[in-house]
Amino acid sequence: MPCELTNEQINQSIENARRMFDRQMSTYVPHALENISDDYEVQLATGSKGPLYVTFLIPETDQTYVRMSIFELVERRVLPRMAYGEWYQLRSLWDTYMRARAFDPEWVWDQSRNVLLFDCRNGPFDIFYIEARPLTAEAIPGEMEYDFLRTVLAHTNLILARGTRGRFPGGIPGPAGNIAMNAPDLRAEANAVLLEVQENLNGYAEPISPIFG
């Protein structure tokens, strides 16, 4: 039995569904850089939506108890080799020294060049960041796969409604009389599905906006 849709039309329906989901979701790619000093830049992937999250970490080799907060000391179970009072005094002197001699690391996303810039002149620092890239079918969460398939089907129905079925609303003559076309039903059903899926997407994730350091 011949199919009313070509492979190109089916692929276009899949792409239309991907674009709809891409407005609310992304493929999240984590990156880690180690021992970065001075100015440093990273060229992001073509089509990247930019950084979603960036944080600077003190390299493990430089994580002495002098540079740790009291909360990190407790978490890591690191005990200063001195009385706590003396450690607090040393820590306050260290913080004052750091504020006087340098500054915190910074970053910025240059959208014109699609480059992530880091200022680590007070380094070295380890850097962890998450890049948001265009959504791929593999990255669609499992709980949204059914909605994605429904969206693809809705777009195929819209194509059918615009095709032969839509061009002959009164039906096509046949041996046993007119063959009724269901273009209005297909169009109404498809639009209802797309509206419902969009509401589900709005409740699942907020649109990703570029963020700046």
C-alpha atoms as a PDB file:
ATOM      1  CA  MET A   1       0.000   0.000   0.000  1.00  0.00           C
ATOM      2  CA  PRO A   2       1.539   3.334  -1.001  1.00  0.00           C
ATOM      3  CA  CYS A   3       2.344   5.822   1.765  1.00  0.00           C
ATOM      4  CA  GLU A   4       0.916   9.336   1.550  1.00  0.00           C
ATOM      5  CA  LEU A   5       4.093  10.785   3.076  1.00  0.00           C
ATOM      6  CA  THR A   6       7.568  10.844   1.568  1.00  0.00           C
ATOM      7  CA  ASN A   7      10.694  10.175   3.620  1.00  0.00           C
ATOM      8  CA  GLU A   8      11.506  13.867   3.315  1.00  0.00           C
ATOM      9  CA  GLN A   9       8.155  14.837   4.828  1.00  0.00           C
ATOM     10  CA  ILE A  10       8.574  12.347   7.678  1.00  0.00           C
ATOM     11  CA  ASN A  11      12.075  13.676   8.411  1.00  0.00           C
ATOM     12  CA  GLN A  12      10.709  17.227   8.327  1.00  0.00           C
ATOM     13  CA  SER A  13       8.059  16.259  10.890  1.00  0.00           C
ATOM     14  CA  ILE A  14      10.762  14.864  13.172  1.00  0.00           C
ATOM     15  CA  GLU A  15      12.819  18.045  12.773  1.00  0.00           C
ATOM     16  CA  ASN A  16       9.795  20.248  13.501  1.00  0.00           C
ATOM     17  CA  ALA A  17       9.190  18.294  16.702  1.00  0.00           C
ATOM     18  CA  ARG A  18      12.862  18.577  17.690  1.00  0.00           C
ATOM     19  CA  ARG A  19      12.791  22.337  17.185  1.00  0.00           C
ATOM     20  CA  MET A  20       9.698  22.640  19.342  1.00  0.00           C
ATOM     21  CA  PHE A  21      11.395  20.747  22.181  1.00  0.00           C
ATOM     22  CA  ASP A  22      14.672  22.603  21.575  1.00  0.00           C
ATOM     23  CA  ARG A  23      13.035  25.881  22.638  1.00  0.00           C
ATOM     24  CA  GLN A  24      12.612  24.466  26.144  1.00  0.00           C
ATOM     25  CA  MET A  25      15.391  21.891  26.458  1.00  0.00           C
ATOM     26  CA  SER A  26      19.015  21.392  25.506  1.00  0.00           C
ATOM     27  CA  THR A  27      21.711  18.788  25.327  1.00  0.00           C
ATOM     28  CA  TYR A  28      23.905  19.416  28.375  1.00  0.00           C
ATOM     29  CA  VAL A  29      27.613  18.775  27.876  1.00  0.00           C
ATOM     30  CA  PRO A  30      29.917  18.973  30.939  1.00  0.00           C
ATOM     31  CA  HIS A  31      33.529  20.152  30.608  1.00  0.00           C
ATOM     32  CA  ALA A  32      36.443  20.246  33.059  1.00  0.00           C
ATOM     33  CA  LEU A  33      39.667  22.235  32.794  1.00  0.00           C
ATOM     34  CA  GLU A  34      42.587  21.779  35.182  1.00  0.00           C
ATOM     35  CA  ASN A  35      45.240  24.170  36.496  1.00  0.00           C
ATOM     36  CA  ILE A  36      44.218  27.198  34.428  1.00  0.00           C
ATOM     37  CA  SER A  37      46.219  30.381  35.022  1.00  0.00           C
ATOM     38  CA  ASP A  38      46.177  33.819  33.424  1.00  0.00           C
ATOM     39  CA  ASP A  39      43.666  34.552  30.637  1.00  0.00           C
ATOM     40  CA  TYR A  40      42.182  31.531  28.898  1.00  0.00           C
ATOM     41  CA  GLU A  41      39.515  31.105  26.237  1.00  0.00           C
ATOM     42  CA  VAL A  42      37.509  28.149  24.948  1.00  0.00           C
ATOM     43  CA  GLN A  43      35.832  27.967  21.557  1.00  0.00           C
ATOM     44  CA  LEU A  44      32.331  26.564  22.038  1.00  0.00           C
ATOM     45  CA  ALA A  45      30.710  24.178  19.591  1.00  0.00           C
ATOM     46  CA  THR A  46      28.946  25.498  16.509  1.00  0.00           C
ATOM     47  CA  GLY A  47      25.327  26.281  17.368  1.00  0.00           C
ATOM     48  CA  SER A  48      26.048  26.298  21.106  1.00  0.00           C
ATOM     49  CA  LYS A  49      23.495  28.080  23.294  1.00  0.00           C
ATOM     50  CA  GLY A  50      26.260  29.121  25.653  1.00  0.00           C
ATOM     51  CA  PRO A  51      27.258  28.194  29.205  1.00  0.00           C
ATOM     52  CA  LEU A  52      24.560  27.036  31.569  1.00  0.00           C
ATOM     53  CA  TYR A  53      26.762  26.756  34.659  1.00  0.00           C
ATOM     54  CA  VAL A  54      30.345  27.763  35.491  1.00  0.00           C
ATOM     55  CA  THR A  55      32.299  27.303  38.699  1.00  0.00           C
ATOM     56  CA  PHE A  56      35.923  27.692  39.742  1.00  0.00           C
ATOM     57  CA  LEU A  57      37.626  25.181  42.043  1.00  0.00           C
ATOM     58  CA  ILE A  58      40.926  25.294  43.839  1.00  0.00           C
ATOM     59  CA  PRO A  59      43.170  22.539  42.435  1.00  0.00           C
ATOM     60  CA  GLU A  60      43.444  19.551  44.733  1.00  0.00           C
ATOM     61  CA  THR A  61      47.183  20.049  45.146  1.00  0.00           C
ATOM     62  CA  ASP A  62      46.501  23.562  46.466  1.00  0.00           C
ATOM     63  CA  GLN A  63      43.643  22.699  48.829  1.00  0.00           C
ATOM     64  CA  THR A  64      45.397  23.296  52.125  1.00  0.00           C
ATOM     65  CA  TYR A  65      43.420  23.860  55.305  1.00  0.00           C
ATOM     66  CA  VAL A  66      44.477  27.518  55.310  1.00  0.00           C
ATOM     67  CA  ARG A  67      42.370  28.196  52.193  1.00  0.00           C
ATOM     68  CA  MET A  68      39.353  26.128  53.246  1.00  0.00           C
ATOM     69  CA  SER A  69      36.249  27.456  54.956  1.00  0.00           C
ATOM     70  CA  ILE A  70      35.182  25.953  58.267  1.00  0.00           C
ATOM     71  CA  PHE A  71      32.309  24.183  56.448  1.00  0.00           C
ATOM     72  CA  GLU A  72      34.704  22.586  53.969  1.00  0.00           C
ATOM     73  CA  LEU A  73      36.969  21.513  56.814  1.00  0.00           C
ATOM     74  CA  VAL A  74      34.088  19.689  58.460  1.00  0.00           C
ATOM     75  CA  GLU A  75      32.895  18.149  55.174  1.00  0.00           C
ATOM     76  CA  ARG A  76      36.369  16.887  54.271  1.00  0.00           C
ATOM     77  CA  ARG A  77      37.206  15.975  57.882  1.00  0.00           C
ATOM     78  CA  VAL A  78      40.395  18.007  57.670  1.00  0.00           C
ATOM     79  CA  LEU A  79      41.698  19.130  61.057  1.00  0.00           C
ATOM     80  CA  PRO A  80      44.002  22.166  61.221  1.00  0.00           C
ATOM     81  CA  ARG A  81      47.324  21.449  62.856  1.00  0.00           C
ATOM     82  CA  MET A  82      46.755  24.236  65.364  1.00  0.00           C
ATOM     83  CA  ALA A  83      44.150  25.508  67.786  1.00  0.00           C
ATOM     84  CA  TYR A  84      40.918  26.655  66.175  1.00  0.00           C
ATOM     85  CA  GLY A  85      41.370  30.188  67.526  1.00  0.00           C
ATOM     86  CA  GLU A  86      44.783  30.434  65.905  1.00  0.00           C
ATOM     87  CA  TRP A  87      43.385  28.981  62.680  1.00  0.00           C
ATOM     88  CA  TYR A  88      40.587  31.584  62.554  1.00  0.00           C
ATOM     89  CA  GLN A  89      43.142  34.354  63.002  1.00  0.00           C
ATOM     90  CA  LEU A  90      45.363  32.945  60.286  1.00  0.00           C
ATOM     91  CA  ARG A  91      42.362  32.522  57.990  1.00  0.00           C
ATOM     92  CA  SER A  92      41.271  36.137  58.481  1.00  0.00           C
ATOM     93  CA  LEU A  93      44.791  37.346  57.687  1.00  0.00           C
ATOM     94  CA  TRP A  94      44.814  35.123  54.588  1.00  0.00           C
ATOM     95  CA  ASP A  95      41.475  36.492  53.377  1.00  0.00           C
ATOM     96  CA  THR A  96      42.697  40.059  53.871  1.00  0.00           C
ATOM     97  CA  TYR A  97      45.875  39.269  51.965  1.00  0.00           C
ATOM     98  CA  MET A  98      43.945  37.740  49.077  1.00  0.00           C
ATOM     99  CA  ARG A  99      41.622  40.730  48.814  1.00  0.00           C
ATOM    100  CA  ALA A 100      44.558  43.122  48.793  1.00  0.00           C
ATOM    101  CA  ARG A 101      46.751  41.339  46.260  1.00  0.00           C
ATOM    102  CA  ALA A 102      44.331  40.004  43.696  1.00  0.00           C
ATOM    103  CA  PHE A 103      40.732  39.331  42.739  1.00  0.00           C
ATOM    104  CA  ASP A 104      38.334  36.461  42.236  1.00  0.00           C
ATOM    105  CA  PRO A 105      38.356  34.575  38.931  1.00  0.00           C
ATOM    106  CA  GLU A 106      35.839  35.758  36.370  1.00  0.00           C
ATOM    107  CA  TRP A 107      34.334  34.555  33.106  1.00  0.00           C
ATOM    108  CA  VAL A 108      32.246  35.928  30.270  1.00  0.00           C
ATOM    109  CA  TRP A 109      30.625  34.469  27.158  1.00  0.00           C
ATOM    110  CA  ASP A 110      31.471  36.391  23.987  1.00  0.00           C
ATOM    111  CA  GLN A 111      28.435  35.624  21.823  1.00  0.00           C
ATOM    112  CA  SER A 112      29.840  37.388  18.770  1.00  0.00           C
ATOM    113  CA  ARG A 113      32.702  34.863  18.608  1.00  0.00           C
ATOM    114  CA  ASN A 114      30.979  32.050  20.526  1.00  0.00           C
ATOM    115  CA  VAL A 115      33.933  31.976  22.910  1.00  0.00           C
ATOM    116  CA  LEU A 116      34.008  31.421  26.673  1.00  0.00           C
ATOM    117  CA  LEU A 117      36.604  33.685  28.291  1.00  0.00           C
ATOM    118  CA  PHE A 118      38.189  33.019  31.687  1.00  0.00           C
ATOM    119  CA  ASP A 119      40.251  35.419  33.782  1.00  0.00           C
ATOM    120  CA  CYS A 120      42.327  33.264  36.146  1.00  0.00           C
ATOM    121  CA  ARG A 121      45.246  35.607  36.836  1.00  0.00           C
ATOM    122  CA  ASN A 122      44.892  34.778  40.515  1.00  0.00           C
ATOM    123  CA  GLY A 123      45.143  31.070  39.651  1.00  0.00           C
ATOM    124  CA  PRO A 124      45.703  28.341  39.154  1.00  0.00           C
ATOM    125  CA  PHE A 125      42.081  27.179  39.167  1.00  0.00           C
ATOM    126  CA  ASP A 126      40.233  24.113  38.017  1.00  0.00           C
ATOM    127  CA  ILE A 127      37.144  25.058  35.995  1.00  0.00           C
ATOM    128  CA  PHE A 128      33.954  23.096  35.597  1.00  0.00           C
ATOM    129  CA  TYR A 129      31.252  24.298  33.209  1.00  0.00           C
ATOM    130  CA  ILE A 130      28.182  22.932  31.473  1.00  0.00           C
ATOM    131  CA  GLU A 131      27.540  23.914  27.882  1.00  0.00           C
ATOM    132  CA  ALA A 132      23.992  23.956  26.489  1.00  0.00           C
ATOM    133  CA  ARG A 133      23.870  22.655  22.938  1.00  0.00           C
ATOM    134  CA  PRO A 134      20.942  22.127  20.538  1.00  0.00           C
ATOM    135  CA  LEU A 135      18.702  19.293  21.607  1.00  0.00           C
ATOM    136  CA  THR A 136      19.214  15.870  20.063  1.00  0.00           C
ATOM    137  CA  ALA A 137      16.731  12.998  20.063  1.00  0.00           C
ATOM    138  CA  GLU A 138      19.056  11.008  22.348  1.00  0.00           C
ATOM    139  CA  ALA A 139      18.971  13.785  24.957  1.00  0.00           C
ATOM    140  CA  ILE A 140      15.172  13.895  25.299  1.00  0.00           C
ATOM    141  CA  PRO A 141      14.263  12.764  28.836  1.00  0.00           C
ATOM    142  CA  GLY A 142      12.500   9.432  29.033  1.00  0.00           C
ATOM    143  CA  GLU A 143       9.363  10.946  30.546  1.00  0.00           C
ATOM    144  CA  MET A 144       9.042  13.261  27.527  1.00  0.00           C
ATOM    145  CA  GLU A 145       9.634  10.672  24.788  1.00  0.00           C
ATOM    146  CA  TYR A 146       5.931   9.897  24.429  1.00  0.00           C
ATOM    147  CA  ASP A 147       5.123  13.588  23.991  1.00  0.00           C
ATOM    148  CA  PHE A 148       7.894  13.838  21.406  1.00  0.00           C
ATOM    149  CA  LEU A 149       6.394  10.973  19.385  1.00  0.00           C
ATOM    150  CA  ARG A 150       2.962  12.565  19.639  1.00  0.00           C
ATOM    151  CA  THR A 151       4.434  15.820  18.337  1.00  0.00           C
ATOM    152  CA  VAL A 152       5.997  14.049  15.349  1.00  0.00           C
ATOM    153  CA  LEU A 153       2.660  12.407  14.567  1.00  0.00           C
ATOM    154  CA  ALA A 154       0.864  15.751  14.895  1.00  0.00           C
ATOM    155  CA  HIS A 155       3.182  17.340  12.342  1.00  0.00           C
ATOM    156  CA  THR A 156       2.661  14.440   9.924  1.00  0.00           C
ATOM    157  CA  ASN A 157      -1.101  14.912  10.295  1.00  0.00           C
ATOM    158  CA  LEU A 158      -0.730  18.609   9.479  1.00  0.00           C
ATOM    159  CA  ILE A 159       1.163  17.684   6.311  1.00  0.00           C
ATOM    160  CA  LEU A 160      -1.590  15.243   5.365  1.00  0.00           C
ATOM    161  CA  ALA A 161      -4.221  17.901   6.019  1.00  0.00           C
ATOM    162  CA  ARG A 162      -2.404  20.300   3.699  1.00  0.00           C
ATOM    163  CA  GLY A 163      -2.028  17.640   0.988  1.00  0.00           C
ATOM    164  CA  THR A 164      -4.576  15.813  -1.111  1.00  0.00           C
ATOM    165  CA  ARG A 165      -6.997  15.487   1.786  1.00  0.00           C
ATOM    166  CA  GLY A 166      -7.058  19.244   2.246  1.00  0.00           C
ATOM    167  CA  ARG A 167      -7.286  20.105  -1.443  1.00  0.00           C
ATOM    168  CA  PHE A 168     -10.486  18.098  -1.883  1.00  0.00           C
ATOM    169  CA  PRO A 169     -12.658  18.956   1.133  1.00  0.00           C
ATOM    170  CA  GLY A 170     -15.745  17.671  -0.639  1.00  0.00           C
ATOM    171  CA  GLY A 171     -14.211  14.257  -1.192  1.00  0.00           C
ATOM    172  CA  ILE A 172     -12.780  12.360  -4.164  1.00  0.00           C
ATOM    173  CA  PRO A 173     -15.084  10.633  -6.650  1.00  0.00           C
ATOM    174  CA  GLY A 174     -14.874   6.856  -6.502  1.00  0.00           C
ATOM    175  CA  PRO A 175     -16.652   3.808  -7.958  1.00  0.00           C
ATOM    176  CA  ALA A 176     -18.974   3.646  -4.963  1.00  0.00           C
ATOM    177  CA  GLY A 177     -19.399   7.389  -4.641  1.00  0.00           C
ATOM    178  CA  ASN A 178     -17.421  10.165  -3.024  1.00  0.00           C
ATOM    179  CA  ILE A 179     -14.532   9.205  -0.704  1.00  0.00           C
ATOM    180  CA  ALA A 180     -14.716  11.614   2.227  1.00  0.00           C
ATOM    181  CA  MET A 181     -11.531  13.389   3.275  1.00  0.00           C
ATOM    182  CA  ASN A 182     -10.754  13.905   6.965  1.00  0.00           C
ATOM    183  CA  ALA A 183      -8.436  16.926   6.681  1.00  0.00           C
ATOM    184  CA  PRO A 184     -10.392  19.078   9.197  1.00  0.00           C
ATOM    185  CA  ASP A 185     -10.321  16.285  11.772  1.00  0.00           C
ATOM    186  CA  LEU A 186      -6.586  15.708  11.274  1.00  0.00           C
ATOM    187  CA  ARG A 187      -5.848  19.435  11.562  1.00  0.00           C
ATOM    188  CA  ALA A 188      -7.954  19.880  14.705  1.00  0.00           C
ATOM    189  CA  GLU A 189      -6.464  16.800  16.372  1.00  0.00           C
ATOM    190  CA  ALA A 190      -2.891  17.846  15.501  1.00  0.00           C
ATOM    191  CA  ASN A 191      -3.348  21.399  16.825  1.00  0.00           C
ATOM    192  CA  ALA A 192      -4.856  20.060  20.054  1.00  0.00           C
ATOM    193  CA  VAL A 193      -1.891  17.722  20.566  1.00  0.00           C
ATOM    194  CA  LEU A 194       0.653  20.471  19.870  1.00  0.00           C
ATOM    195  CA  LEU A 195      -1.066  22.782  22.358  1.00  0.00           C
ATOM    196  CA  GLU A 196      -1.121  20.070  25.035  1.00  0.00           C
ATOM    197  CA  VAL A 197       2.537  19.153  24.487  1.00  0.00           C
ATOM    198  CA  GLN A 198       3.562  22.815  24.635  1.00  0.00           C
ATOM    199  CA  GLU A 199       1.844  23.143  28.007  1.00  0.00           C
ATOM    200  CA  ASN A 200       3.695  20.041  29.214  1.00  0.00           C
ATOM    201  CA  LEU A 201       6.981  21.523  28.024  1.00  0.00           C
ATOM    202  CA  ASN A 202       6.279  24.800  29.817  1.00  0.00           C
ATOM    203  CA  GLY A 203       5.789  22.874  33.025  1.00  0.00           C
ATOM    204  CA  TYR A 204       8.845  20.695  32.520  1.00  0.00           C
ATOM    205  CA  ALA A 205      11.599  23.241  31.879  1.00  0.00           C
ATOM    206  CA  GLU A 206      12.145  26.939  31.554  1.00  0.00           C
ATOM    207  CA  PRO A 207      13.765  28.297  28.378  1.00  0.00           C
ATOM    208  CA  ILE A 208      17.534  28.550  28.702  1.00  0.00           C
ATOM    209  CA  SER A 209      18.829  32.098  28.549  1.00  0.00           C
ATOM    210  CA  PRO A 210      22.473  33.125  28.093  1.00  0.00           C
ATOM    211  CA  ILE A 211      24.187  33.866  31.395  1.00  0.00           C
ATOM    212  CA  PHE A 212      27.226  36.010  31.955  1.00  0.00           C
ATOM    213  CA  GLY A 213      29.976  35.927  34.536  1.00  0.00           C
END
